[in-house]
PDB file of all heavy atoms in Angstrom:
ATOM      1  N   GLY A   1       0.787  -1.234   0.000  1.00  0.00           N
ATOM      2  CA  GLY A   1       0.000   0.000   0.000  1.00  0.00           C
ATOM      3  C   GLY A   1       0.814   1.278   0.000  1.00  0.00           C
ATOM      4  O   GLY A   1       0.247   2.369   0.010  1.00  0.00           O
ATOM      5  N   LYS A   2       2.138   1.168  -0.007  1.00  0.00           N
ATOM      6  CA  LYS A   2       2.999   2.357   0.000  1.00  0.00           C
ATOM      7  C   LYS A   2       3.676   2.528  -1.352  1.00  0.00           C
ATOM      8  O   LYS A   2       4.102   1.544  -1.973  1.00  0.00           O
ATOM      9  CB  LYS A   2       4.058   2.248   1.094  1.00  0.00           C
ATOM     10  CG  LYS A   2       3.495   2.359   2.496  1.00  0.00           C
ATOM     11  CD  LYS A   2       4.589   2.268   3.533  1.00  0.00           C
ATOM     12  CE  LYS A   2       4.050   2.618   4.913  1.00  0.00           C
ATOM     13  NZ  LYS A   2       2.856   1.885   5.283  1.00  0.00           N
ATOM     14  N   ASP A   3       3.789   3.800  -1.803  1.00  0.00           N
ATOM     15  CA  ASP A   3       4.499   4.095  -3.049  1.00  0.00           C
ATOM     16  C   ASP A   3       5.994   4.100  -2.756  1.00  0.00           C
ATOM     17  O   ASP A   3       6.485   4.950  -2.012  1.00  0.00           O
ATOM     18  CB  ASP A   3       4.057   5.454  -3.598  1.00  0.00           C
ATOM     19  CG  ASP A   3       4.775   5.805  -4.898  1.00  0.00           C
ATOM     20  OD1 ASP A   3       4.964   4.903  -5.723  1.00  0.00           O
ATOM     21  OD2 ASP A   3       5.168   6.980  -5.074  1.00  0.00           O
ATOM     22  N   VAL A   4       6.707   3.163  -3.317  1.00  0.00           N
ATOM     23  CA  VAL A   4       8.152   3.028  -3.089  1.00  0.00           C
ATOM     24  C   VAL A   4       8.876   3.254  -4.413  1.00  0.00           C
ATOM     25  O   VAL A   4       8.527   2.647  -5.431  1.00  0.00           O
ATOM     26  CB  VAL A   4       8.490   1.629  -2.526  1.00  0.00           C
ATOM     27  CG1 VAL A   4      10.000   1.438  -2.417  1.00  0.00           C
ATOM     28  CG2 VAL A   4       7.835   1.449  -1.166  1.00  0.00           C
ATOM     29  N   VAL A   5       9.857   4.154  -4.384  1.00  0.00           N
ATOM     30  CA  VAL A   5      10.619   4.483  -5.596  1.00  0.00           C
ATOM     31  C   VAL A   5      11.978   3.796  -5.535  1.00  0.00           C
ATOM     32  O   VAL A   5      12.662   3.818  -4.507  1.00  0.00           O
ATOM     33  CB  VAL A   5      10.813   6.008  -5.739  1.00  0.00           C
ATOM     34  CG1 VAL A   5      11.560   6.333  -7.025  1.00  0.00           C
ATOM     35  CG2 VAL A   5       9.468   6.721  -5.711  1.00  0.00           C
ATOM     36  N   THR A   6      12.362   3.183  -6.649  1.00  0.00           N
ATOM     37  CA  THR A   6      13.671   2.534  -6.767  1.00  0.00           C
ATOM     38  C   THR A   6      14.364   3.064  -8.021  1.00  0.00           C
ATOM     39  O   THR A   6      13.750   3.149  -9.083  1.00  0.00           O
ATOM     40  CB  THR A   6      13.520   0.999  -6.892  1.00  0.00           C
ATOM     41  OG1 THR A   6      12.686   0.523  -5.833  1.00  0.00           O
ATOM     42  CG2 THR A   6      14.865   0.314  -6.839  1.00  0.00           C
ATOM     43  N   VAL A   7      15.627   3.455  -7.882  1.00  0.00           N
ATOM     44  CA  VAL A   7      16.412   3.900  -9.032  1.00  0.00           C
ATOM     45  C   VAL A   7      17.252   2.725  -9.513  1.00  0.00           C
ATOM     46  O   VAL A   7      18.093   2.208  -8.782  1.00  0.00           O
ATOM     47  CB  VAL A   7      17.328   5.091  -8.669  1.00  0.00           C
ATOM     48  CG1 VAL A   7      18.192   5.473  -9.860  1.00  0.00           C
ATOM     49  CG2 VAL A   7      16.499   6.286  -8.219  1.00  0.00           C
ATOM     50  N   VAL A   8      16.988   2.301 -10.737  1.00  0.00           N
ATOM     51  CA  VAL A   8      17.661   1.124 -11.292  1.00  0.00           C
ATOM     52  C   VAL A   8      18.483   1.539 -12.507  1.00  0.00           C
ATOM     53  O   VAL A   8      17.960   2.160 -13.434  1.00  0.00           O
ATOM     54  CB  VAL A   8      16.630   0.053 -11.711  1.00  0.00           C
ATOM     55  CG1 VAL A   8      17.334  -1.215 -12.174  1.00  0.00           C
ATOM     56  CG2 VAL A   8      15.671  -0.252 -10.575  1.00  0.00           C
ATOM     57  N   SER A   9      19.763   1.211 -12.502  1.00  0.00           N
ATOM     58  CA  SER A   9      20.625   1.507 -13.647  1.00  0.00           C
ATOM     59  C   SER A   9      20.245   0.606 -14.811  1.00  0.00           C
ATOM     60  O   SER A   9      20.106  -0.611 -14.660  1.00  0.00           O
ATOM     61  CB  SER A   9      22.100   1.293 -13.277  1.00  0.00           C
ATOM     62  OG  SER A   9      22.916   1.384 -14.426  1.00  0.00           O
ATOM     63  N   THR A  10      20.080   1.176 -16.003  1.00  0.00           N
ATOM     64  CA  THR A  10      19.690   0.387 -17.178  1.00  0.00           C
ATOM     65  C   THR A  10      20.802  -0.575 -17.600  1.00  0.00           C
ATOM     66  O   THR A  10      20.535  -1.600 -18.217  1.00  0.00           O
ATOM     67  CB  THR A  10      19.344   1.308 -18.358  1.00  0.00           C
ATOM     68  OG1 THR A  10      20.422   2.225 -18.574  1.00  0.00           O
ATOM     69  CG2 THR A  10      18.081   2.096 -18.091  1.00  0.00           C
ATOM     70  N   VAL A  11      22.043  -0.251 -17.255  1.00  0.00           N
ATOM     71  CA  VAL A  11      23.183  -1.108 -17.612  1.00  0.00           C
ATOM     72  C   VAL A  11      23.069  -2.476 -16.949  1.00  0.00           C
ATOM     73  O   VAL A  11      23.457  -3.503 -17.516  1.00  0.00           O
ATOM     74  CB  VAL A  11      24.518  -0.435 -17.205  1.00  0.00           C
ATOM     75  CG1 VAL A  11      25.704  -1.357 -17.492  1.00  0.00           C
ATOM     76  CG2 VAL A  11      24.693   0.884 -17.935  1.00  0.00           C
ATOM     77  N   ASP A  12      22.515  -2.490 -15.721  1.00  0.00           N
ATOM     78  CA  ASP A  12      22.445  -3.731 -14.948  1.00  0.00           C
ATOM     79  C   ASP A  12      21.197  -4.563 -15.247  1.00  0.00           C
ATOM     80  O   ASP A  12      21.016  -5.635 -14.672  1.00  0.00           O
ATOM     81  CB  ASP A  12      22.482  -3.414 -13.445  1.00  0.00           C
ATOM     82  CG  ASP A  12      23.734  -2.642 -13.058  1.00  0.00           C
ATOM     83  OD1 ASP A  12      24.778  -2.860 -13.698  1.00  0.00           O
ATOM     84  OD2 ASP A  12      23.664  -1.816 -12.115  1.00  0.00           O
ATOM     85  N   LEU A  13      20.348  -4.061 -16.136  1.00  0.00           N
ATOM     86  CA  LEU A  13      19.079  -4.746 -16.383  1.00  0.00           C
ATOM     87  C   LEU A  13      19.179  -5.728 -17.546  1.00  0.00           C
ATOM     88  O   LEU A  13      19.940  -5.505 -18.501  1.00  0.00           O
ATOM     89  CB  LEU A  13      17.989  -3.720 -16.715  1.00  0.00           C
ATOM     90  CG  LEU A  13      17.472  -2.858 -15.560  1.00  0.00           C
ATOM     91  CD1 LEU A  13      16.529  -1.799 -16.100  1.00  0.00           C
ATOM     92  CD2 LEU A  13      16.764  -3.705 -14.523  1.00  0.00           C
ATOM     93  N   PRO A  14      18.397  -6.815 -17.496  1.00  0.00           N
ATOM     94  CA  PRO A  14      18.306  -7.681 -18.682  1.00  0.00           C
ATOM     95  C   PRO A  14      17.648  -6.923 -19.829  1.00  0.00           C
ATOM     96  O   PRO A  14      16.934  -5.943 -19.618  1.00  0.00           O
ATOM     97  CB  PRO A  14      17.427  -8.844 -18.194  1.00  0.00           C
ATOM     98  CG  PRO A  14      16.706  -8.326 -16.988  1.00  0.00           C
ATOM     99  CD  PRO A  14      17.609  -7.304 -16.371  1.00  0.00           C
ATOM    100  N   GLU A  15      17.863  -7.367 -21.029  1.00  0.00           N
ATOM    101  CA  GLU A  15      17.407  -6.670 -22.236  1.00  0.00           C
ATOM    102  C   GLU A  15      15.910  -6.351 -22.204  1.00  0.00           C
ATOM    103  O   GLU A  15      15.486  -5.266 -22.590  1.00  0.00           O
ATOM    104  CB  GLU A  15      17.727  -7.527 -23.469  1.00  0.00           C
ATOM    105  CG  GLU A  15      17.501  -6.804 -24.792  1.00  0.00           C
ATOM    106  CD  GLU A  15      18.421  -5.609 -24.992  1.00  0.00           C
ATOM    107  OE1 GLU A  15      19.597  -5.675 -24.587  1.00  0.00           O
ATOM    108  OE2 GLU A  15      17.940  -4.593 -25.541  1.00  0.00           O
ATOM    109  N   LYS A  16      15.107  -7.276 -21.714  1.00  0.00           N
ATOM    110  CA  LYS A  16      13.645  -7.084 -21.757  1.00  0.00           C
ATOM    111  C   LYS A  16      13.174  -5.918 -20.879  1.00  0.00           C
ATOM    112  O   LYS A  16      12.083  -5.384 -21.075  1.00  0.00           O
ATOM    113  CB  LYS A  16      12.926  -8.370 -21.340  1.00  0.00           C
ATOM    114  CG  LYS A  16      13.094  -8.751 -19.873  1.00  0.00           C
ATOM    115  CD  LYS A  16      12.185  -9.917 -19.519  1.00  0.00           C
ATOM    116  CE  LYS A  16      12.264 -10.222 -18.026  1.00  0.00           C
ATOM    117  NZ  LYS A  16      11.301 -11.266 -17.624  1.00  0.00           N
ATOM    118  N   HIS A  17      14.000  -5.533 -19.890  1.00  0.00           N
ATOM    119  CA  HIS A  17      13.592  -4.459 -18.981  1.00  0.00           C
ATOM    120  C   HIS A  17      14.262  -3.120 -19.292  1.00  0.00           C
ATOM    121  O   HIS A  17      13.990  -2.132 -18.618  1.00  0.00           O
ATOM    122  CB  HIS A  17      13.898  -4.859 -17.534  1.00  0.00           C
ATOM    123  CG  HIS A  17      12.902  -5.805 -16.950  1.00  0.00           C
ATOM    124  ND1 HIS A  17      13.254  -6.819 -16.096  1.00  0.00           N
ATOM    125  CD2 HIS A  17      11.552  -5.897 -17.117  1.00  0.00           C
ATOM    126  CE1 HIS A  17      12.162  -7.508 -15.752  1.00  0.00           C
ATOM    127  NE2 HIS A  17      11.125  -6.957 -16.360  1.00  0.00           N
ATOM    128  N   ARG A  18      15.125  -3.065 -20.273  1.00  0.00           N
ATOM    129  CA  ARG A  18      15.864  -1.819 -20.524  1.00  0.00           C
ATOM    130  C   ARG A  18      14.981  -0.703 -21.076  1.00  0.00           C
ATOM    131  O   ARG A  18      15.351   0.457 -21.046  1.00  0.00           O
ATOM    132  CB  ARG A  18      17.042  -2.085 -21.470  1.00  0.00           C
ATOM    133  CG  ARG A  18      18.151  -2.838 -20.752  1.00  0.00           C
ATOM    134  CD  ARG A  18      19.394  -2.995 -21.557  1.00  0.00           C
ATOM    135  NE  ARG A  18      20.378  -3.788 -20.835  1.00  0.00           N
ATOM    136  CZ  ARG A  18      21.531  -4.182 -21.329  1.00  0.00           C
ATOM    137  NH1 ARG A  18      21.852  -3.864 -22.575  1.00  0.00           N
ATOM    138  NH2 ARG A  18      22.369  -4.907 -20.601  1.00  0.00           N
ATOM    139  N   GLN A  19      13.824  -1.067 -21.605  1.00  0.00           N
ATOM    140  CA  GLN A  19      12.877  -0.056 -22.081  1.00  0.00           C
ATOM    141  C   GLN A  19      11.818   0.270 -21.027  1.00  0.00           C
ATOM    142  O   GLN A  19      10.975   1.137 -21.233  1.00  0.00           O
ATOM    143  CB  GLN A  19      12.192  -0.542 -23.369  1.00  0.00           C
ATOM    144  CG  GLN A  19      13.143  -0.806 -24.519  1.00  0.00           C
ATOM    145  CD  GLN A  19      13.979   0.408 -24.860  1.00  0.00           C
ATOM    146  OE1 GLN A  19      13.473   1.529 -24.942  1.00  0.00           O
ATOM    147  NE2 GLN A  19      15.278   0.196 -25.063  1.00  0.00           N
ATOM    148  N   GLY A  20      11.893  -0.421 -19.895  1.00  0.00           N
ATOM    149  CA  GLY A  20      10.923  -0.169 -18.836  1.00  0.00           C
ATOM    150  C   GLY A  20      10.307  -1.451 -18.318  1.00  0.00           C
ATOM    151  O   GLY A  20      10.656  -2.556 -18.746  1.00  0.00           O
ATOM    152  N   PHE A  21       9.386  -1.280 -17.368  1.00  0.00           N
ATOM    153  CA  PHE A  21       8.708  -2.422 -16.752  1.00  0.00           C
ATOM    154  C   PHE A  21       7.219  -2.353 -17.046  1.00  0.00           C
ATOM    155  O   PHE A  21       6.670  -1.277 -17.319  1.00  0.00           O
ATOM    156  CB  PHE A  21       8.932  -2.415 -15.231  1.00  0.00           C
ATOM    157  CG  PHE A  21      10.323  -2.804 -14.814  1.00  0.00           C
ATOM    158  CD1 PHE A  21      11.396  -1.953 -15.026  1.00  0.00           C
ATOM    159  CD2 PHE A  21      10.557  -4.035 -14.208  1.00  0.00           C
ATOM    160  CE1 PHE A  21      12.672  -2.313 -14.643  1.00  0.00           C
ATOM    161  CE2 PHE A  21      11.831  -4.398 -13.821  1.00  0.00           C
ATOM    162  CZ  PHE A  21      12.905  -3.533 -14.035  1.00  0.00           C
ATOM    163  N   THR A  22       6.556  -3.484 -16.965  1.00  0.00           N
ATOM    164  CA  THR A  22       5.129  -3.562 -17.256  1.00  0.00           C
ATOM    165  C   THR A  22       4.314  -3.231 -16.016  1.00  0.00           C
ATOM    166  O   THR A  22       4.662  -3.640 -14.898  1.00  0.00           O
ATOM    167  CB  THR A  22       4.759  -4.988 -17.733  1.00  0.00           C
ATOM    168  OG1 THR A  22       5.620  -5.359 -18.799  1.00  0.00           O
ATOM    169  CG2 THR A  22       3.312  -5.048 -18.192  1.00  0.00           C
ATOM    170  N   TYR A  23       3.223  -2.495 -16.209  1.00  0.00           N
ATOM    171  CA  TYR A  23       2.324  -2.176 -15.093  1.00  0.00           C
ATOM    172  C   TYR A  23       1.811  -3.467 -14.467  1.00  0.00           C
ATOM    173  O   TYR A  23       1.373  -4.393 -15.159  1.00  0.00           O
ATOM    174  CB  TYR A  23       1.146  -1.332 -15.596  1.00  0.00           C
ATOM    175  CG  TYR A  23       0.072  -1.105 -14.550  1.00  0.00           C
ATOM    176  CD1 TYR A  23       0.249  -0.166 -13.541  1.00  0.00           C
ATOM    177  CD2 TYR A  23      -1.104  -1.865 -14.554  1.00  0.00           C
ATOM    178  CE1 TYR A  23      -0.719   0.023 -12.572  1.00  0.00           C
ATOM    179  CE2 TYR A  23      -2.078  -1.678 -13.592  1.00  0.00           C
ATOM    180  CZ  TYR A  23      -1.880  -0.728 -12.595  1.00  0.00           C
ATOM    181  OH  TYR A  23      -2.834  -0.551 -11.639  1.00  0.00           O
ATOM    182  N   GLY A  24       1.877  -3.537 -13.132  1.00  0.00           N
ATOM    183  CA  GLY A  24       1.379  -4.704 -12.413  1.00  0.00           C
ATOM    184  C   GLY A  24       2.396  -5.816 -12.260  1.00  0.00           C
ATOM    185  O   GLY A  24       2.140  -6.813 -11.577  1.00  0.00           O
ATOM    186  N   GLU A  25       3.574  -5.666 -12.865  1.00  0.00           N
ATOM    187  CA  GLU A  25       4.617  -6.690 -12.768  1.00  0.00           C
ATOM    188  C   GLU A  25       5.123  -6.797 -11.324  1.00  0.00           C
ATOM    189  O   GLU A  25       5.339  -5.786 -10.654  1.00  0.00           O
ATOM    190  CB  GLU A  25       5.771  -6.314 -13.707  1.00  0.00           C
ATOM    191  CG  GLU A  25       6.866  -7.361 -13.798  1.00  0.00           C
ATOM    192  CD  GLU A  25       7.935  -6.973 -14.822  1.00  0.00           C
ATOM    193  OE1 GLU A  25       7.691  -6.054 -15.631  1.00  0.00           O
ATOM    194  OE2 GLU A  25       9.003  -7.601 -14.802  1.00  0.00           O
ATOM    195  N   THR A  26       5.319  -8.008 -10.854  1.00  0.00           N
ATOM    196  CA  THR A  26       5.815  -8.243  -9.497  1.00  0.00           C
ATOM    197  C   THR A  26       7.338  -8.131  -9.468  1.00  0.00           C
ATOM    198  O   THR A  26       8.025  -8.708 -10.310  1.00  0.00           O
ATOM    199  CB  THR A  26       5.392  -9.633  -8.989  1.00  0.00           C
ATOM    200  OG1 THR A  26       3.958  -9.710  -8.984  1.00  0.00           O
ATOM    201  CG2 THR A  26       5.903  -9.877  -7.569  1.00  0.00           C
ATOM    202  N   ILE A  27       7.849  -7.361  -8.510  1.00  0.00           N
ATOM    203  CA  ILE A  27       9.306  -7.214  -8.352  1.00  0.00           C
ATOM    204  C   ILE A  27       9.685  -7.448  -6.893  1.00  0.00           C
ATOM    205  O   ILE A  27       8.864  -7.296  -5.987  1.00  0.00           O
ATOM    206  CB  ILE A  27       9.802  -5.817  -8.795  1.00  0.00           C
ATOM    207  CG1 ILE A  27       9.084  -4.713  -8.023  1.00  0.00           C
ATOM    208  CG2 ILE A  27       9.642  -5.628 -10.292  1.00  0.00           C
ATOM    209  CD1 ILE A  27       9.644  -3.318  -8.268  1.00  0.00           C
ATOM    210  N   LYS A  28      10.924  -7.829  -6.687  1.00  0.00           N
ATOM    211  CA  LYS A  28      11.450  -8.022  -5.331  1.00  0.00           C
ATOM    212  C   LYS A  28      12.581  -7.032  -5.099  1.00  0.00           C
ATOM    213  O   LYS A  28      13.462  -6.885  -5.950  1.00  0.00           O
ATOM    214  CB  LYS A  28      11.931  -9.463  -5.146  1.00  0.00           C
ATOM    215  CG  LYS A  28      10.779 -10.461  -5.208  1.00  0.00           C
ATOM    216  CD  LYS A  28      11.229 -11.877  -4.926  1.00  0.00           C
ATOM    217  CE  LYS A  28      10.018 -12.817  -4.926  1.00  0.00           C
ATOM    218  NZ  LYS A  28      10.396 -14.218  -4.641  1.00  0.00           N
TER     219      LYS A  28
END
């Protein structure tokens, strides 16, 4: 229920996430 902001470097991301993440996607 809390809005949590995370800054993620695009260099460290797999290719599928380098353009962004999908609404509703579960992350840890």
